[in-house]
Amino acid sequence: MTIFTLEEEIKRLTRIIDLLRITPSSIEEQIFLKYIELESLPKVKNHLQTEGIKTQRGTIYTASDISQIIKDSPDNVNTEIIDLAHKIFEKNWKAVDRAYN
């Protein structure tokens, strides 16, 4: 690994930290940020339940609900946050696919 490679990785991680410090402007943005932080749909679901955050229908969020929000890419979420969450989602999806197929 070169110094340049390490410096680029540090810049990338610093940007992720900066994004995670953003105060979310919507529940969707909160879900994206929490997914980036935890990298797990079930962990995000558990976090939302612990915080008492419910869907518009008044029900608890399921992993499927969270997955759909990430796939839908709502307009009220910063595109940089969406792109990062999609990369993590794709990486996790490929890992699950390899494990079970």
PDB file of N, CA and C in Angstrom:
ATOM      1  N   MET A   1       0.849  -1.165   0.000  1.00  0.00           N
ATOM      2  CA  MET A   1       0.000   0.000   0.000  1.00  0.00           C
ATOM      3  C   MET A   1       0.906   1.243   0.000  1.00  0.00           C
ATOM      4  N   THR A   2       0.578   2.177  -0.856  1.00  0.00           N
ATOM      5  CA  THR A   2       1.394   3.379  -0.957  1.00  0.00           C
ATOM      6  C   THR A   2       0.864   4.467  -0.031  1.00  0.00           C
ATOM      7  N   ILE A   3       1.696   5.458   0.207  1.00  0.00           N
ATOM      8  CA  ILE A   3       1.272   6.595   1.018  1.00  0.00           C
ATOM      9  C   ILE A   3       0.093   7.291   0.347  1.00  0.00           C
ATOM     10  N   PHE A   4       0.148   7.425  -0.974  1.00  0.00           N
ATOM     11  CA  PHE A   4      -0.953   8.054  -1.709  1.00  0.00           C
ATOM     12  C   PHE A   4      -2.257   7.294  -1.478  1.00  0.00           C
ATOM     13  N   THR A   5      -2.207   5.977  -1.561  1.00  0.00           N
ATOM     14  CA  THR A   5      -3.395   5.149  -1.350  1.00  0.00           C
ATOM     15  C   THR A   5      -3.944   5.357   0.060  1.00  0.00           C
ATOM     16  N   LEU A   6      -3.052   5.379   1.027  1.00  0.00           N
ATOM     17  CA  LEU A   6      -3.477   5.589   2.413  1.00  0.00           C
ATOM     18  C   LEU A   6      -4.084   6.981   2.606  1.00  0.00           C
ATOM     19  N   GLU A   7      -3.484   7.984   1.994  1.00  0.00           N
ATOM     20  CA  GLU A   7      -4.014   9.340   2.104  1.00  0.00           C
ATOM     21  C   GLU A   7      -5.404   9.444   1.476  1.00  0.00           C
ATOM     22  N   GLU A   8      -5.592   8.783   0.347  1.00  0.00           N
ATOM     23  CA  GLU A   8      -6.910   8.792  -0.300  1.00  0.00           C
ATOM     24  C   GLU A   8      -7.949   8.089   0.570  1.00  0.00           C
ATOM     25  N   GLU A   9      -7.562   7.005   1.212  1.00  0.00           N
ATOM     26  CA  GLU A   9      -8.480   6.284   2.098  1.00  0.00           C
ATOM     27  C   GLU A   9      -8.842   7.152   3.307  1.00  0.00           C
ATOM     28  N   ILE A  10      -7.874   7.859   3.837  1.00  0.00           N
ATOM     29  CA  ILE A  10      -8.133   8.758   4.965  1.00  0.00           C
ATOM     30  C   ILE A  10      -9.105   9.852   4.542  1.00  0.00           C
ATOM     31  N   LYS A  11      -8.932  10.422   3.358  1.00  0.00           N
ATOM     32  CA  LYS A  11      -9.856  11.449   2.852  1.00  0.00           C
ATOM     33  C   LYS A  11     -11.265  10.889   2.726  1.00  0.00           C
ATOM     34  N   ARG A  12     -11.358   9.670   2.195  1.00  0.00           N
ATOM     35  CA  ARG A  12     -12.671   9.038   2.014  1.00  0.00           C
ATOM     36  C   ARG A  12     -13.350   8.822   3.366  1.00  0.00           C
ATOM     37  N   LEU A  13     -12.600   8.308   4.329  1.00  0.00           N
ATOM     38  CA  LEU A  13     -13.162   8.043   5.653  1.00  0.00           C
ATOM     39  C   LEU A  13     -13.520   9.341   6.380  1.00  0.00           C
ATOM     40  N   THR A  14     -12.715  10.361   6.206  1.00  0.00           N
ATOM     41  CA  THR A  14     -13.010  11.661   6.805  1.00  0.00           C
ATOM     42  C   THR A  14     -14.312  12.216   6.237  1.00  0.00           C
ATOM     43  N   ARG A  15     -14.521  12.043   4.943  1.00  0.00           N
ATOM     44  CA  ARG A  15     -15.770  12.511   4.330  1.00  0.00           C
ATOM     45  C   ARG A  15     -16.963  11.739   4.878  1.00  0.00           C
ATOM     46  N   ILE A  16     -16.806  10.445   5.070  1.00  0.00           N
ATOM     47  CA  ILE A  16     -17.891   9.642   5.647  1.00  0.00           C
ATOM     48  C   ILE A  16     -18.204  10.130   7.058  1.00  0.00           C
ATOM     49  N   ILE A  17     -17.181  10.389   7.840  1.00  0.00           N
ATOM     50  CA  ILE A  17     -17.390  10.904   9.198  1.00  0.00           C
ATOM     51  C   ILE A  17     -18.147  12.230   9.142  1.00  0.00           C
ATOM     52  N   ASP A  18     -17.747  13.112   8.241  1.00  0.00           N
ATOM     53  CA  ASP A  18     -18.437  14.406   8.085  1.00  0.00           C
ATOM     54  C   ASP A  18     -19.910  14.202   7.731  1.00  0.00           C
ATOM     55  N   LEU A  19     -20.189  13.266   6.841  1.00  0.00           N
ATOM     56  CA  LEU A  19     -21.586  12.988   6.463  1.00  0.00           C
ATOM     57  C   LEU A  19     -22.380  12.461   7.653  1.00  0.00           C
ATOM     58  N   LEU A  20     -21.761  11.586   8.435  1.00  0.00           N
ATOM     59  CA  LEU A  20     -22.462  10.995   9.576  1.00  0.00           C
ATOM     60  C   LEU A  20     -22.752  12.020  10.676  1.00  0.00           C
ATOM     61  N   ARG A  21     -22.055  13.130  10.657  1.00  0.00           N
ATOM     62  CA  ARG A  21     -22.283  14.190  11.649  1.00  0.00           C
ATOM     63  C   ARG A  21     -23.414  15.133  11.242  1.00  0.00           C
ATOM     64  N   ILE A  22     -23.926  14.978  10.037  1.00  0.00           N
ATOM     65  CA  ILE A  22     -25.027  15.820   9.559  1.00  0.00           C
ATOM     66  C   ILE A  22     -26.283  15.547  10.391  1.00  0.00           C
ATOM     67  N   THR A  23     -26.987  16.597  10.713  1.00  0.00           N
ATOM     68  CA  THR A  23     -28.291  16.424  11.350  1.00  0.00           C
ATOM     69  C   THR A  23     -29.289  16.126  10.235  1.00  0.00           C
ATOM     70  N   PRO A  24     -29.910  14.939  10.281  1.00  0.00           N
ATOM     71  CA  PRO A  24     -30.820  14.569   9.185  1.00  0.00           C
ATOM     72  C   PRO A  24     -32.008  15.519   9.088  1.00  0.00           C
ATOM     73  N   SER A  25     -32.403  15.808   7.836  1.00  0.00           N
ATOM     74  CA  SER A  25     -33.520  16.713   7.598  1.00  0.00           C
ATOM     75  C   SER A  25     -34.841  15.969   7.405  1.00  0.00           C
ATOM     76  N   SER A  26     -34.784  14.652   7.361  1.00  0.00           N
ATOM     77  CA  SER A  26     -35.994  13.842   7.177  1.00  0.00           C
ATOM     78  C   SER A  26     -35.743  12.449   7.755  1.00  0.00           C
ATOM     79  N   ILE A  27     -36.811  11.706   7.946  1.00  0.00           N
ATOM     80  CA  ILE A  27     -36.669  10.333   8.436  1.00  0.00           C
ATOM     81  C   ILE A  27     -35.912   9.490   7.419  1.00  0.00           C
ATOM     82  N   GLU A  28     -36.140   9.761   6.135  1.00  0.00           N
ATOM     83  CA  GLU A  28     -35.427   9.006   5.102  1.00  0.00           C
ATOM     84  C   GLU A  28     -33.922   9.259   5.188  1.00  0.00           C
ATOM     85  N   GLU A  29     -33.545  10.512   5.379  1.00  0.00           N
ATOM     86  CA  GLU A  29     -32.119  10.826   5.494  1.00  0.00           C
ATOM     87  C   GLU A  29     -31.540  10.191   6.754  1.00  0.00           C
ATOM     88  N   GLN A  30     -32.304  10.173   7.829  1.00  0.00           N
ATOM     89  CA  GLN A  30     -31.860   9.515   9.058  1.00  0.00           C
ATOM     90  C   GLN A  30     -31.623   8.028   8.803  1.00  0.00           C
ATOM     91  N   ILE A  31     -32.516   7.399   8.061  1.00  0.00           N
ATOM     92  CA  ILE A  31     -32.372   5.978   7.743  1.00  0.00           C
ATOM     93  C   ILE A  31     -31.113   5.744   6.910  1.00  0.00           C
ATOM     94  N   PHE A  32     -30.888   6.574   5.903  1.00  0.00           N
ATOM     95  CA  PHE A  32     -29.684   6.434   5.082  1.00  0.00           C
ATOM     96  C   PHE A  32     -28.419   6.586   5.924  1.00  0.00           C
ATOM     97  N   LEU A  33     -28.378   7.617   6.757  1.00  0.00           N
ATOM     98  CA  LEU A  33     -27.184   7.853   7.576  1.00  0.00           C
ATOM     99  C   LEU A  33     -26.942   6.713   8.556  1.00  0.00           C
ATOM    100  N   LYS A  34     -28.005   6.211   9.149  1.00  0.00           N
ATOM    101  CA  LYS A  34     -27.860   5.107  10.094  1.00  0.00           C
ATOM    102  C   LYS A  34     -27.407   3.847   9.362  1.00  0.00           C
ATOM    103  N   TYR A  35     -27.894   3.652   8.131  1.00  0.00           N
ATOM    104  CA  TYR A  35     -27.461   2.495   7.344  1.00  0.00           C
ATOM    105  C   TYR A  35     -25.972   2.605   7.001  1.00  0.00           C
ATOM    106  N   ILE A  36     -25.527   3.799   6.667  1.00  0.00           N
ATOM    107  CA  ILE A  36     -24.100   4.003   6.384  1.00  0.00           C
ATOM    108  C   ILE A  36     -23.280   3.683   7.629  1.00  0.00           C
ATOM    109  N   GLU A  37     -23.763   4.120   8.766  1.00  0.00           N
ATOM    110  CA  GLU A  37     -23.045   3.893  10.024  1.00  0.00           C
ATOM    111  C   GLU A  37     -23.028   2.410  10.414  1.00  0.00           C
ATOM    112  N   LEU A  38     -24.169   1.754  10.352  1.00  0.00           N
ATOM    113  CA  LEU A  38     -24.288   0.382  10.865  1.00  0.00           C
ATOM    114  C   LEU A  38     -24.091  -0.698   9.804  1.00  0.00           C
ATOM    115  N   GLU A  39     -24.290  -0.350   8.542  1.00  0.00           N
ATOM    116  CA  GLU A  39     -24.152  -1.276   7.414  1.00  0.00           C
ATOM    117  C   GLU A  39     -24.988  -2.539   7.560  1.00  0.00           C
ATOM    118  N   SER A  40     -26.178  -2.394   8.135  1.00  0.00           N
ATOM    119  CA  SER A  40     -27.035  -3.550   8.371  1.00  0.00           C
ATOM    120  C   SER A  40     -28.492  -3.117   8.453  1.00  0.00           C
ATOM    121  N   LEU A  41     -29.338  -3.732   7.630  1.00  0.00           N
ATOM    122  CA  LEU A  41     -30.771  -3.421   7.673  1.00  0.00           C
ATOM    123  C   LEU A  41     -31.389  -3.786   9.024  1.00  0.00           C
ATOM    124  N   PRO A  42     -31.117  -4.995   9.566  1.00  0.00           N
ATOM    125  CA  PRO A  42     -31.693  -5.333  10.872  1.00  0.00           C
ATOM    126  C   PRO A  42     -31.233  -4.391  11.994  1.00  0.00           C
ATOM    127  N   LYS A  43     -29.988  -3.944  11.938  1.00  0.00           N
ATOM    128  CA  LYS A  43     -29.509  -3.027  12.976  1.00  0.00           C
ATOM    129  C   LYS A  43     -30.190  -1.668  12.866  1.00  0.00           C
ATOM    130  N   VAL A  44     -30.424  -1.215  11.639  1.00  0.00           N
ATOM    131  CA  VAL A  44     -31.153   0.050  11.447  1.00  0.00           C
ATOM    132  C   VAL A  44     -32.576  -0.114  11.959  1.00  0.00           C
ATOM    133  N   LYS A  45     -33.203  -1.231  11.633  1.00  0.00           N
ATOM    134  CA  LYS A  45     -34.568  -1.512  12.101  1.00  0.00           C
ATOM    135  C   LYS A  45     -34.615  -1.466  13.626  1.00  0.00           C
ATOM    136  N   ASN A  46     -33.666  -2.113  14.275  1.00  0.00           N
ATOM    137  CA  ASN A  46     -33.623  -2.127  15.741  1.00  0.00           C
ATOM    138  C   ASN A  46     -33.409  -0.724  16.304  1.00  0.00           C
ATOM    139  N   HIS A  47     -32.561   0.054  15.656  1.00  0.00           N
ATOM    140  CA  HIS A  47     -32.327   1.432  16.098  1.00  0.00           C
ATOM    141  C   HIS A  47     -33.619   2.244  16.026  1.00  0.00           C
ATOM    142  N   LEU A  48     -34.325   2.135  14.910  1.00  0.00           N
ATOM    143  CA  LEU A  48     -35.575   2.880  14.747  1.00  0.00           C
ATOM    144  C   LEU A  48     -36.602   2.463  15.791  1.00  0.00           C
ATOM    145  N   GLN A  49     -36.670   1.162  16.083  1.00  0.00           N
ATOM    146  CA  GLN A  49     -37.608   0.677  17.103  1.00  0.00           C
ATOM    147  C   GLN A  49     -37.227   1.219  18.479  1.00  0.00           C
ATOM    148  N   THR A  50     -35.932   1.201  18.791  1.00  0.00           N
ATOM    149  CA  THR A  50     -35.459   1.709  20.077  1.00  0.00           C
ATOM    150  C   THR A  50     -35.791   3.189  20.236  1.00  0.00           C
ATOM    151  N   GLU A  51     -35.680   3.939  19.144  1.00  0.00           N
ATOM    152  CA  GLU A  51     -35.974   5.374  19.167  1.00  0.00           C
ATOM    153  C   GLU A  51     -37.473   5.664  19.075  1.00  0.00           C
ATOM    154  N   GLY A  52     -38.273   4.629  18.847  1.00  0.00           N
ATOM    155  CA  GLY A  52     -39.719   4.802  18.752  1.00  0.00           C
ATOM    156  C   GLY A  52     -40.178   5.433  17.444  1.00  0.00           C
ATOM    157  N   ILE A  53     -39.346   5.322  16.418  1.00  0.00           N
ATOM    158  CA  ILE A  53     -39.681   5.911  15.117  1.00  0.00           C
ATOM    159  C   ILE A  53     -40.522   4.920  14.327  1.00  0.00           C
ATOM    160  N   LYS A  54     -41.658   5.385  13.844  1.00  0.00           N
ATOM    161  CA  LYS A  54     -42.583   4.510  13.117  1.00  0.00           C
ATOM    162  C   LYS A  54     -42.836   5.040  11.715  1.00  0.00           C
ATOM    163  N   THR A  55     -43.394   4.175  10.881  1.00  0.00           N
ATOM    164  CA  THR A  55     -43.735   4.546   9.506  1.00  0.00           C
ATOM    165  C   THR A  55     -44.904   5.520   9.522  1.00  0.00           C
ATOM    166  N   GLN A  56     -45.223   6.067   8.360  1.00  0.00           N
ATOM    167  CA  GLN A  56     -46.373   6.968   8.253  1.00  0.00           C
ATOM    168  C   GLN A  56     -47.669   6.256   8.613  1.00  0.00           C
ATOM    169  N   ARG A  57     -47.682   4.934   8.459  1.00  0.00           N
ATOM    170  CA  ARG A  57     -48.860   4.135   8.803  1.00  0.00           C
ATOM    171  C   ARG A  57     -48.942   3.857  10.302  1.00  0.00           C
ATOM    172  N   GLY A  58     -47.898   4.260  11.051  1.00  0.00           N
ATOM    173  CA  GLY A  58     -47.886   4.043  12.492  1.00  0.00           C
ATOM    174  C   GLY A  58     -47.374   2.675  12.895  1.00  0.00           C
ATOM    175  N   THR A  59     -46.774   1.951  11.949  1.00  0.00           N
ATOM    176  CA  THR A  59     -46.228   0.628  12.255  1.00  0.00           C
ATOM    177  C   THR A  59     -44.704   0.719  12.384  1.00  0.00           C
ATOM    178  N   ILE A  60     -44.129  -0.340  12.938  1.00  0.00           N
ATOM    179  CA  ILE A  60     -42.666  -0.349  13.051  1.00  0.00           C
ATOM    180  C   ILE A  60     -42.056  -0.598  11.681  1.00  0.00           C
ATOM    181  N   TYR A  61     -40.869  -0.057  11.481  1.00  0.00           N
ATOM    182  CA  TYR A  61     -40.157  -0.289  10.230  1.00  0.00           C
ATOM    183  C   TYR A  61     -39.650  -1.728  10.190  1.00  0.00           C
ATOM    184  N   THR A  62     -39.766  -2.345   9.021  1.00  0.00           N
ATOM    185  CA  THR A  62     -39.186  -3.664   8.803  1.00  0.00           C
ATOM    186  C   THR A  62     -37.909  -3.483   7.983  1.00  0.00           C
ATOM    187  N   ALA A  63     -37.088  -4.517   7.944  1.00  0.00           N
ATOM    188  CA  ALA A  63     -35.880  -4.464   7.112  1.00  0.00           C
ATOM    189  C   ALA A  63     -36.269  -4.246   5.652  1.00  0.00           C
ATOM    190  N   SER A  64     -37.395  -4.811   5.250  1.00  0.00           N
ATOM    191  CA  SER A  64     -37.885  -4.638   3.883  1.00  0.00           C
ATOM    192  C   SER A  64     -38.255  -3.176   3.608  1.00  0.00           C
ATOM    193  N   ASP A  65     -38.895  -2.510   4.581  1.00  0.00           N
ATOM    194  CA  ASP A  65     -39.223  -1.082   4.435  1.00  0.00           C
ATOM    195  C   ASP A  65     -37.950  -0.262   4.239  1.00  0.00           C
ATOM    196  N   ILE A  66     -36.951  -0.548   5.049  1.00  0.00           N
ATOM    197  CA  ILE A  66     -35.689   0.191   4.993  1.00  0.00           C
ATOM    198  C   ILE A  66     -34.984  -0.074   3.674  1.00  0.00           C
ATOM    199  N   SER A  67     -34.974  -1.320   3.257  1.00  0.00           N
ATOM    200  CA  SER A  67     -34.374  -1.684   1.977  1.00  0.00           C
ATOM    201  C   SER A  67     -35.038  -0.925   0.839  1.00  0.00           C
ATOM    202  N   GLN A  68     -36.353  -0.831   0.865  1.00  0.00           N
ATOM    203  CA  GLN A  68     -37.093  -0.137  -0.188  1.00  0.00           C
ATOM    204  C   GLN A  68     -36.776   1.356  -0.197  1.00  0.00           C
ATOM    205  N   ILE A  69     -36.651   1.956   0.974  1.00  0.00           N
ATOM    206  CA  ILE A  69     -36.299   3.384   1.051  1.00  0.00           C
ATOM    207  C   ILE A  69     -34.927   3.606   0.422  1.00  0.00           C
ATOM    208  N   ILE A  70     -33.986   2.731   0.725  1.00  0.00           N
ATOM    209  CA  ILE A  70     -32.637   2.871   0.164  1.00  0.00           C
ATOM    210  C   ILE A  70     -32.678   2.690  -1.356  1.00  0.00           C
ATOM    211  N   LYS A  71     -33.419   1.722  -1.825  1.00  0.00           N
ATOM    212  CA  LYS A  71     -33.513   1.497  -3.272  1.00  0.00           C
ATOM    213  C   LYS A  71     -34.216   2.645  -3.989  1.00  0.00           C
ATOM    214  N   ASP A  72     -35.225   3.239  -3.357  1.00  0.00           N
ATOM    215  CA  ASP A  72     -36.026   4.293  -3.992  1.00  0.00           C
ATOM    216  C   ASP A  72     -35.279   5.622  -4.127  1.00  0.00           C
ATOM    217  N   SER A  73     -34.266   5.856  -3.338  1.00  0.00           N
ATOM    218  CA  SER A  73     -33.486   7.097  -3.397  1.00  0.00           C
ATOM    219  C   SER A  73     -34.367   8.342  -3.347  1.00  0.00           C
ATOM    220  N   PRO A  74     -34.969   8.640  -2.202  1.00  0.00           N
ATOM    221  CA  PRO A  74     -35.870   9.784  -2.095  1.00  0.00           C
ATOM    222  C   PRO A  74     -35.191  11.108  -2.456  1.00  0.00           C
ATOM    223  N   ASP A  75     -35.985  12.036  -2.963  1.00  0.00           N
ATOM    224  CA  ASP A  75     -35.480  13.358  -3.371  1.00  0.00           C
ATOM    225  C   ASP A  75     -34.983  14.183  -2.192  1.00  0.00           C
ATOM    226  N   ASN A  76     -35.477  13.904  -0.987  1.00  0.00           N
ATOM    227  CA  ASN A  76     -35.119  14.726   0.170  1.00  0.00           C
ATOM    228  C   ASN A  76     -33.865  14.225   0.894  1.00  0.00           C
ATOM    229  N   VAL A  77     -33.053  13.415   0.197  1.00  0.00           N
ATOM    230  CA  VAL A  77     -31.800  12.915   0.766  1.00  0.00           C
ATOM    231  C   VAL A  77     -30.651  13.350  -0.139  1.00  0.00           C
ATOM    232  N   ASN A  78     -29.609  13.867   0.474  1.00  0.00           N
ATOM    233  CA  ASN A  78     -28.399  14.295  -0.221  1.00  0.00           C
ATOM    234  C   ASN A  78     -27.891  13.171  -1.136  1.00  0.00           C
ATOM    235  N   THR A  79     -27.567  13.506  -2.377  1.00  0.00           N
ATOM    236  CA  THR A  79     -27.143  12.481  -3.348  1.00  0.00           C
ATOM    237  C   THR A  79     -25.840  11.797  -2.944  1.00  0.00           C
ATOM    238  N   GLU A  80     -24.962  12.508  -2.264  1.00  0.00           N
ATOM    239  CA  GLU A  80     -23.716  11.886  -1.801  1.00  0.00           C
ATOM    240  C   GLU A  80     -24.009  10.802  -0.758  1.00  0.00           C
ATOM    241  N   ILE A  81     -24.982  11.059   0.099  1.00  0.00           N
ATOM    242  CA  ILE A  81     -25.399  10.064   1.099  1.00  0.00           C
ATOM    243  C   ILE A  81     -26.033   8.867   0.400  1.00  0.00           C
ATOM    244  N   ILE A  82     -26.876   9.128  -0.587  1.00  0.00           N
ATOM    245  CA  ILE A  82     -27.513   8.048  -1.340  1.00  0.00           C
ATOM    246  C   ILE A  82     -26.459   7.179  -2.017  1.00  0.00           C
ATOM    247  N   ASP A  83     -25.508   7.803  -2.694  1.00  0.00           N
ATOM    248  CA  ASP A  83     -24.470   7.044  -3.406  1.00  0.00           C
ATOM    249  C   ASP A  83     -23.677   6.157  -2.457  1.00  0.00           C
ATOM    250  N   LEU A  84     -23.314   6.688  -1.316  1.00  0.00           N
ATOM    251  CA  LEU A  84     -22.547   5.905  -0.345  1.00  0.00           C
ATOM    252  C   LEU A  84     -23.378   4.739   0.189  1.00  0.00           C
ATOM    253  N   ALA A  85     -24.625   4.994   0.518  1.00  0.00           N
ATOM    254  CA  ALA A  85     -25.506   3.925   1.010  1.00  0.00           C
ATOM    255  C   ALA A  85     -25.698   2.850  -0.053  1.00  0.00           C
ATOM    256  N   HIS A  86     -25.830   3.251  -1.315  1.00  0.00           N
ATOM    257  CA  HIS A  86     -25.994   2.270  -2.395  1.00  0.00           C
ATOM    258  C   HIS A  86     -24.755   1.384  -2.539  1.00  0.00           C
ATOM    259  N   LYS A  87     -23.575   1.962  -2.391  1.00  0.00           N
ATOM    260  CA  LYS A  87     -22.346   1.163  -2.464  1.00  0.00           C
ATOM    261  C   LYS A  87     -22.313   0.125  -1.350  1.00  0.00           C
ATOM    262  N   ILE A  88     -22.674   0.534  -0.156  1.00  0.00           N
ATOM    263  CA  ILE A  88     -22.692  -0.396   0.979  1.00  0.00           C
ATOM    264  C   ILE A  88     -23.762  -1.462   0.755  1.00  0.00           C
ATOM    265  N   PHE A  89     -24.934  -1.040   0.288  1.00  0.00           N
ATOM    266  CA  PHE A  89     -26.044  -1.961   0.046  1.00  0.00           C
ATOM    267  C   PHE A  89     -25.636  -3.015  -0.987  1.00  0.00           C
ATOM    268  N   GLU A  90     -25.005  -2.569  -2.065  1.00  0.00           N
ATOM    269  CA  GLU A  90     -24.576  -3.496  -3.113  1.00  0.00           C
ATOM    270  C   GLU A  90     -23.529  -4.480  -2.595  1.00  0.00           C
ATOM    271  N   LYS A  91     -22.565  -3.976  -1.818  1.00  0.00           N
ATOM    272  CA  LYS A  91     -21.530  -4.839  -1.233  1.00  0.00           C
ATOM    273  C   LYS A  91     -22.172  -5.895  -0.330  1.00  0.00           C
ATOM    274  N   ASN A  92     -23.119  -5.480   0.505  1.00  0.00           N
ATOM    275  CA  ASN A  92     -23.784  -6.417   1.407  1.00  0.00           C
ATOM    276  C   ASN A  92     -24.634  -7.422   0.642  1.00  0.00           C
ATOM    277  N   TRP A  93     -25.307  -6.943  -0.407  1.00  0.00           N
ATOM    278  CA  TRP A  93     -26.154  -7.829  -1.208  1.00  0.00           C
ATOM    279  C   TRP A  93     -25.311  -8.904  -1.880  1.00  0.00           C
ATOM    280  N   LYS A  94     -24.164  -8.521  -2.413  1.00  0.00           N
ATOM    281  CA  LYS A  94     -23.277  -9.490  -3.069  1.00  0.00           C
ATOM    282  C   LYS A  94     -22.760 -10.511  -2.060  1.00  0.00           C
ATOM    283  N   ALA A  95     -22.458 -10.073  -0.845  1.00  0.00           N
ATOM    284  CA  ALA A  95     -21.971 -10.990   0.180  1.00  0.00           C
ATOM    285  C   ALA A  95     -23.054 -12.006   0.555  1.00  0.00           C
ATOM    286  N   VAL A  96     -24.273 -11.555   0.685  1.00  0.00           N
ATOM    287  CA  VAL A  96     -25.395 -12.465   1.013  1.00  0.00           C
ATOM    288  C   VAL A  96     -25.615 -13.432  -0.146  1.00  0.00           C
ATOM    289  N   ASP A  97     -25.563 -12.917  -1.374  1.00  0.00           N
ATOM    290  CA  ASP A  97     -25.769 -13.754  -2.556  1.00  0.00           C
ATOM    291  C   ASP A  97     -24.703 -14.848  -2.623  1.00  0.00           C
ATOM    292  N   ARG A  98     -23.452 -14.504  -2.366  1.00  0.00           N
ATOM    293  CA  ARG A  98     -22.362 -15.500  -2.389  1.00  0.00           C
ATOM    294  C   ARG A  98     -22.556 -16.540  -1.290  1.00  0.00           C
ATOM    295  N   ALA A  99     -23.020 -16.116  -0.142  1.00  0.00           N
ATOM    296  CA  ALA A  99     -23.166 -17.027   0.981  1.00  0.00           C
ATOM    297  C   ALA A  99     -24.286 -18.048   0.757  1.00  0.00           C
ATOM    298  N   TYR A 100     -25.319 -17.642   0.032  1.00  0.00           N
ATOM    299  CA  TYR A 100     -26.476 -18.531  -0.121  1.00  0.00           C
ATOM    300  C   TYR A 100     -26.657 -19.103  -1.521  1.00  0.00           C
ATOM    301  N   ASN A 101     -25.810 -18.726  -2.460  1.00  0.00           N
ATOM    302  CA  ASN A 101     -25.971 -19.243  -3.833  1.00  0.00           C
ATOM    303  C   ASN A 101     -24.689 -19.846  -4.340  1.00  0.00           C
TER     304      ASN A 101
END
